[in-house]
């Protein structure tokens, strides 16, 4: 009896593809596997100010979320929570932080500098007025 019939494996037809050793990829395969164009260059380093602006933007977006969580927690326990003005000021700061960060990381020249400096100033201002001084 034929061993191929016992194992369930049938021999491959002759036109099924290369049966020899694996060949090196052709230029077409290389071009297709790399996205079709030249290899992308790494993004340029944006600098310390853009990094600081990013950290401040993330903090300005997360602070109102934390305040809303504290408000909900305090109301479920019957305790006084954060004042609504504090929450709305933090929400406004978070909303303003997103376009400022985008401008600080995509524009060049004075717009980048002003927006990059505005985020840390806004962060410190909101902390000073609505967290530390109350």
C-alpha atoms as a PDB file:
ATOM      1  CA  UNK A   1       0.000   0.000   0.000  1.00  0.00           C
ATOM      2  CA  UNK A   2       1.154   3.571  -0.738  1.00  0.00           C
ATOM      3  CA  UNK A   3       2.451   5.419   2.397  1.00  0.00           C
ATOM      4  CA  UNK A   4       0.966   8.727   1.131  1.00  0.00           C
ATOM      5  CA  UNK A   5      -2.491   7.218   1.303  1.00  0.00           C
ATOM      6  CA  UNK A   6      -1.950   5.963   4.857  1.00  0.00           C
ATOM      7  CA  UNK A   7      -0.850   9.357   6.235  1.00  0.00           C
ATOM      8  CA  UNK A   8      -3.344  11.414   4.258  1.00  0.00           C
ATOM      9  CA  UNK A   9      -0.629  13.491   2.570  1.00  0.00           C
ATOM     10  CA  UNK A  10      -0.825  13.582  -1.154  1.00  0.00           C
ATOM     11  CA  UNK A  11       2.124  14.559  -3.306  1.00  0.00           C
ATOM     12  CA  UNK A  12       2.132  18.153  -4.559  1.00  0.00           C
ATOM     13  CA  UNK A  13       1.589  18.767  -8.264  1.00  0.00           C
ATOM     14  CA  UNK A  14       4.623  19.835 -10.268  1.00  0.00           C
ATOM     15  CA  UNK A  15       3.259  23.360 -10.935  1.00  0.00           C
ATOM     16  CA  UNK A  16       2.478  24.104  -7.242  1.00  0.00           C
ATOM     17  CA  UNK A  17       5.520  26.294  -6.727  1.00  0.00           C
ATOM     18  CA  UNK A  18       9.254  26.061  -6.154  1.00  0.00           C
ATOM     19  CA  UNK A  19      10.245  22.839  -4.486  1.00  0.00           C
ATOM     20  CA  UNK A  20      13.911  23.655  -4.202  1.00  0.00           C
ATOM     21  CA  UNK A  21      15.716  25.783  -1.623  1.00  0.00           C
ATOM     22  CA  UNK A  22      14.286  29.194  -0.701  1.00  0.00           C
ATOM     23  CA  UNK A  23      15.552  31.840  -3.050  1.00  0.00           C
ATOM     24  CA  UNK A  24      16.637  35.317  -2.040  1.00  0.00           C
ATOM     25  CA  UNK A  25      13.771  37.876  -2.238  1.00  0.00           C
ATOM     26  CA  UNK A  26      13.574  39.784  -5.475  1.00  0.00           C
ATOM     27  CA  UNK A  27      13.645  43.563  -5.745  1.00  0.00           C
ATOM     28  CA  UNK A  28       9.872  43.597  -6.137  1.00  0.00           C
ATOM     29  CA  UNK A  29       9.398  41.747  -2.861  1.00  0.00           C
ATOM     30  CA  UNK A  30      11.834  44.046  -1.080  1.00  0.00           C
ATOM     31  CA  UNK A  31       9.998  47.104  -2.373  1.00  0.00           C
ATOM     32  CA  UNK A  32       6.588  45.729  -1.387  1.00  0.00           C
ATOM     33  CA  UNK A  33       7.685  44.670   2.088  1.00  0.00           C
ATOM     34  CA  UNK A  34       9.154  48.086   2.861  1.00  0.00           C
ATOM     35  CA  UNK A  35       6.004  50.018   2.027  1.00  0.00           C
ATOM     36  CA  UNK A  36       6.711  50.724  -1.609  1.00  0.00           C
ATOM     37  CA  UNK A  37       9.037  53.683  -1.191  1.00  0.00           C
ATOM     38  CA  UNK A  38      12.295  54.663   0.362  1.00  0.00           C
ATOM     39  CA  UNK A  39      12.727  53.792   3.996  1.00  0.00           C
ATOM     40  CA  UNK A  40      11.352  56.532   6.255  1.00  0.00           C
ATOM     41  CA  UNK A  41      13.830  58.583   8.198  1.00  0.00           C
ATOM     42  CA  UNK A  42      13.384  58.865  11.956  1.00  0.00           C
ATOM     43  CA  UNK A  43      11.481  61.885  13.219  1.00  0.00           C
ATOM     44  CA  UNK A  44      13.717  64.798  14.155  1.00  0.00           C
ATOM     45  CA  UNK A  45      14.292  65.454  17.832  1.00  0.00           C
ATOM     46  CA  UNK A  46      11.890  68.196  18.909  1.00  0.00           C
ATOM     47  CA  UNK A  47      13.913  69.367  21.888  1.00  0.00           C
ATOM     48  CA  UNK A  48      13.516  69.914  25.604  1.00  0.00           C
ATOM     49  CA  UNK A  49      10.788  72.533  25.320  1.00  0.00           C
ATOM     50  CA  UNK A  50       8.539  70.233  23.264  1.00  0.00           C
ATOM     51  CA  UNK A  51       9.073  67.442  25.785  1.00  0.00           C
ATOM     52  CA  UNK A  52       8.237  69.737  28.678  1.00  0.00           C
ATOM     53  CA  UNK A  53       5.172  70.968  26.794  1.00  0.00           C
ATOM     54  CA  UNK A  54       4.075  67.364  26.267  1.00  0.00           C
ATOM     55  CA  UNK A  55       4.387  66.497  29.938  1.00  0.00           C
ATOM     56  CA  UNK A  56       2.426  69.600  30.913  1.00  0.00           C
ATOM     57  CA  UNK A  57      -0.249  68.884  28.292  1.00  0.00           C
ATOM     58  CA  UNK A  58      -0.725  65.343  29.591  1.00  0.00           C
ATOM     59  CA  UNK A  59      -0.961  66.628  33.161  1.00  0.00           C
ATOM     60  CA  UNK A  60      -3.455  69.308  32.135  1.00  0.00           C
ATOM     61  CA  UNK A  61      -5.645  66.670  30.484  1.00  0.00           C
ATOM     62  CA  UNK A  62      -5.414  64.212  33.403  1.00  0.00           C
ATOM     63  CA  UNK A  63      -6.006  66.724  36.220  1.00  0.00           C
ATOM     64  CA  UNK A  64      -9.691  67.375  35.418  1.00  0.00           C
ATOM     65  CA  UNK A  65     -10.292  63.637  35.174  1.00  0.00           C
ATOM     66  CA  UNK A  66      -8.848  63.220  38.651  1.00  0.00           C
ATOM     67  CA  UNK A  67     -10.924  66.105  39.966  1.00  0.00           C
ATOM     68  CA  UNK A  68     -14.142  64.651  38.570  1.00  0.00           C
ATOM     69  CA  UNK A  69     -13.257  61.303  40.161  1.00  0.00           C
ATOM     70  CA  UNK A  70     -12.625  63.083  43.481  1.00  0.00           C
ATOM     71  CA  UNK A  71     -15.936  64.928  43.145  1.00  0.00           C
ATOM     72  CA  UNK A  72     -17.854  61.700  42.530  1.00  0.00           C
ATOM     73  CA  UNK A  73     -16.059  59.950  45.381  1.00  0.00           C
ATOM     74  CA  UNK A  74     -16.758  62.776  47.814  1.00  0.00           C
ATOM     75  CA  UNK A  75     -20.431  63.026  46.867  1.00  0.00           C
ATOM     76  CA  UNK A  76     -20.984  59.299  47.346  1.00  0.00           C
ATOM     77  CA  UNK A  77     -19.443  59.561  50.828  1.00  0.00           C
ATOM     78  CA  UNK A  78     -21.362  62.701  51.790  1.00  0.00           C
ATOM     79  CA  UNK A  79     -18.211  64.831  52.066  1.00  0.00           C
ATOM     80  CA  UNK A  80     -17.476  68.183  50.455  1.00  0.00           C
ATOM     81  CA  UNK A  81     -15.524  67.815  47.247  1.00  0.00           C
ATOM     82  CA  UNK A  82     -13.686  70.105  44.862  1.00  0.00           C
ATOM     83  CA  UNK A  83     -15.404  73.359  44.038  1.00  0.00           C
ATOM     84  CA  UNK A  84     -17.111  73.475  40.605  1.00  0.00           C
ATOM     85  CA  UNK A  85     -15.048  76.524  39.606  1.00  0.00           C
ATOM     86  CA  UNK A  86     -11.889  74.497  40.204  1.00  0.00           C
ATOM     87  CA  UNK A  87     -13.181  71.661  38.062  1.00  0.00           C
ATOM     88  CA  UNK A  88     -14.255  73.931  35.208  1.00  0.00           C
ATOM     89  CA  UNK A  89     -10.948  75.812  35.290  1.00  0.00           C
ATOM     90  CA  UNK A  90      -9.066  72.519  35.009  1.00  0.00           C
ATOM     91  CA  UNK A  91     -11.323  71.356  32.170  1.00  0.00           C
ATOM     92  CA  UNK A  92     -10.698  74.640  30.336  1.00  0.00           C
ATOM     93  CA  UNK A  93      -6.968  74.209  30.883  1.00  0.00           C
ATOM     94  CA  UNK A  94      -7.105  70.705  29.440  1.00  0.00           C
ATOM     95  CA  UNK A  95      -9.072  71.866  26.406  1.00  0.00           C
ATOM     96  CA  UNK A  96      -6.606  74.694  25.746  1.00  0.00           C
ATOM     97  CA  UNK A  97      -3.605  72.386  26.278  1.00  0.00           C
ATOM     98  CA  UNK A  98      -4.360  70.136  23.315  1.00  0.00           C
ATOM     99  CA  UNK A  99      -4.106  72.747  20.514  1.00  0.00           C
ATOM    100  CA  UNK A 100      -1.207  74.463  22.297  1.00  0.00           C
ATOM    101  CA  UNK A 101       0.720  71.202  22.346  1.00  0.00           C
ATOM    102  CA  UNK A 102      -0.075  70.558  18.698  1.00  0.00           C
ATOM    103  CA  UNK A 103       1.218  73.992  17.739  1.00  0.00           C
ATOM    104  CA  UNK A 104       4.288  73.582  19.958  1.00  0.00           C
ATOM    105  CA  UNK A 105       5.272  70.361  18.215  1.00  0.00           C
ATOM    106  CA  UNK A 106       4.298  71.029  14.590  1.00  0.00           C
ATOM    107  CA  UNK A 107       5.033  74.710  13.934  1.00  0.00           C
ATOM    108  CA  UNK A 108       8.371  76.434  13.649  1.00  0.00           C
ATOM    109  CA  UNK A 109       9.748  79.714  14.871  1.00  0.00           C
ATOM    110  CA  UNK A 110       8.076  82.018  17.376  1.00  0.00           C
ATOM    111  CA  UNK A 111       4.752  80.108  17.352  1.00  0.00           C
ATOM    112  CA  UNK A 112       6.556  77.001  18.575  1.00  0.00           C
ATOM    113  CA  UNK A 113       8.366  78.959  21.271  1.00  0.00           C
ATOM    114  CA  UNK A 114       5.273  80.798  22.531  1.00  0.00           C
ATOM    115  CA  UNK A 115       3.099  77.674  22.625  1.00  0.00           C
ATOM    116  CA  UNK A 116       5.902  75.613  24.139  1.00  0.00           C
ATOM    117  CA  UNK A 117       6.296  78.154  26.936  1.00  0.00           C
ATOM    118  CA  UNK A 118       2.557  78.715  27.373  1.00  0.00           C
ATOM    119  CA  UNK A 119       1.906  75.124  28.448  1.00  0.00           C
ATOM    120  CA  UNK A 120       4.240  75.091  31.481  1.00  0.00           C
ATOM    121  CA  UNK A 121       3.014  78.583  32.426  1.00  0.00           C
ATOM    122  CA  UNK A 122      -0.616  77.440  32.188  1.00  0.00           C
ATOM    123  CA  UNK A 123       0.192  74.326  34.213  1.00  0.00           C
ATOM    124  CA  UNK A 124       1.865  76.276  37.022  1.00  0.00           C
ATOM    125  CA  UNK A 125      -0.847  78.949  36.947  1.00  0.00           C
ATOM    126  CA  UNK A 126      -3.644  76.400  37.345  1.00  0.00           C
ATOM    127  CA  UNK A 127      -1.768  74.606  40.101  1.00  0.00           C
ATOM    128  CA  UNK A 128      -1.122  77.864  41.915  1.00  0.00           C
ATOM    129  CA  UNK A 129      -4.628  79.295  41.640  1.00  0.00           C
ATOM    130  CA  UNK A 130      -6.750  76.186  42.090  1.00  0.00           C
ATOM    131  CA  UNK A 131      -4.660  73.686  44.065  1.00  0.00           C
ATOM    132  CA  UNK A 132      -2.048  75.343  46.257  1.00  0.00           C
ATOM    133  CA  UNK A 133      -3.669  78.626  47.176  1.00  0.00           C
ATOM    134  CA  UNK A 134      -7.044  77.186  48.245  1.00  0.00           C
END
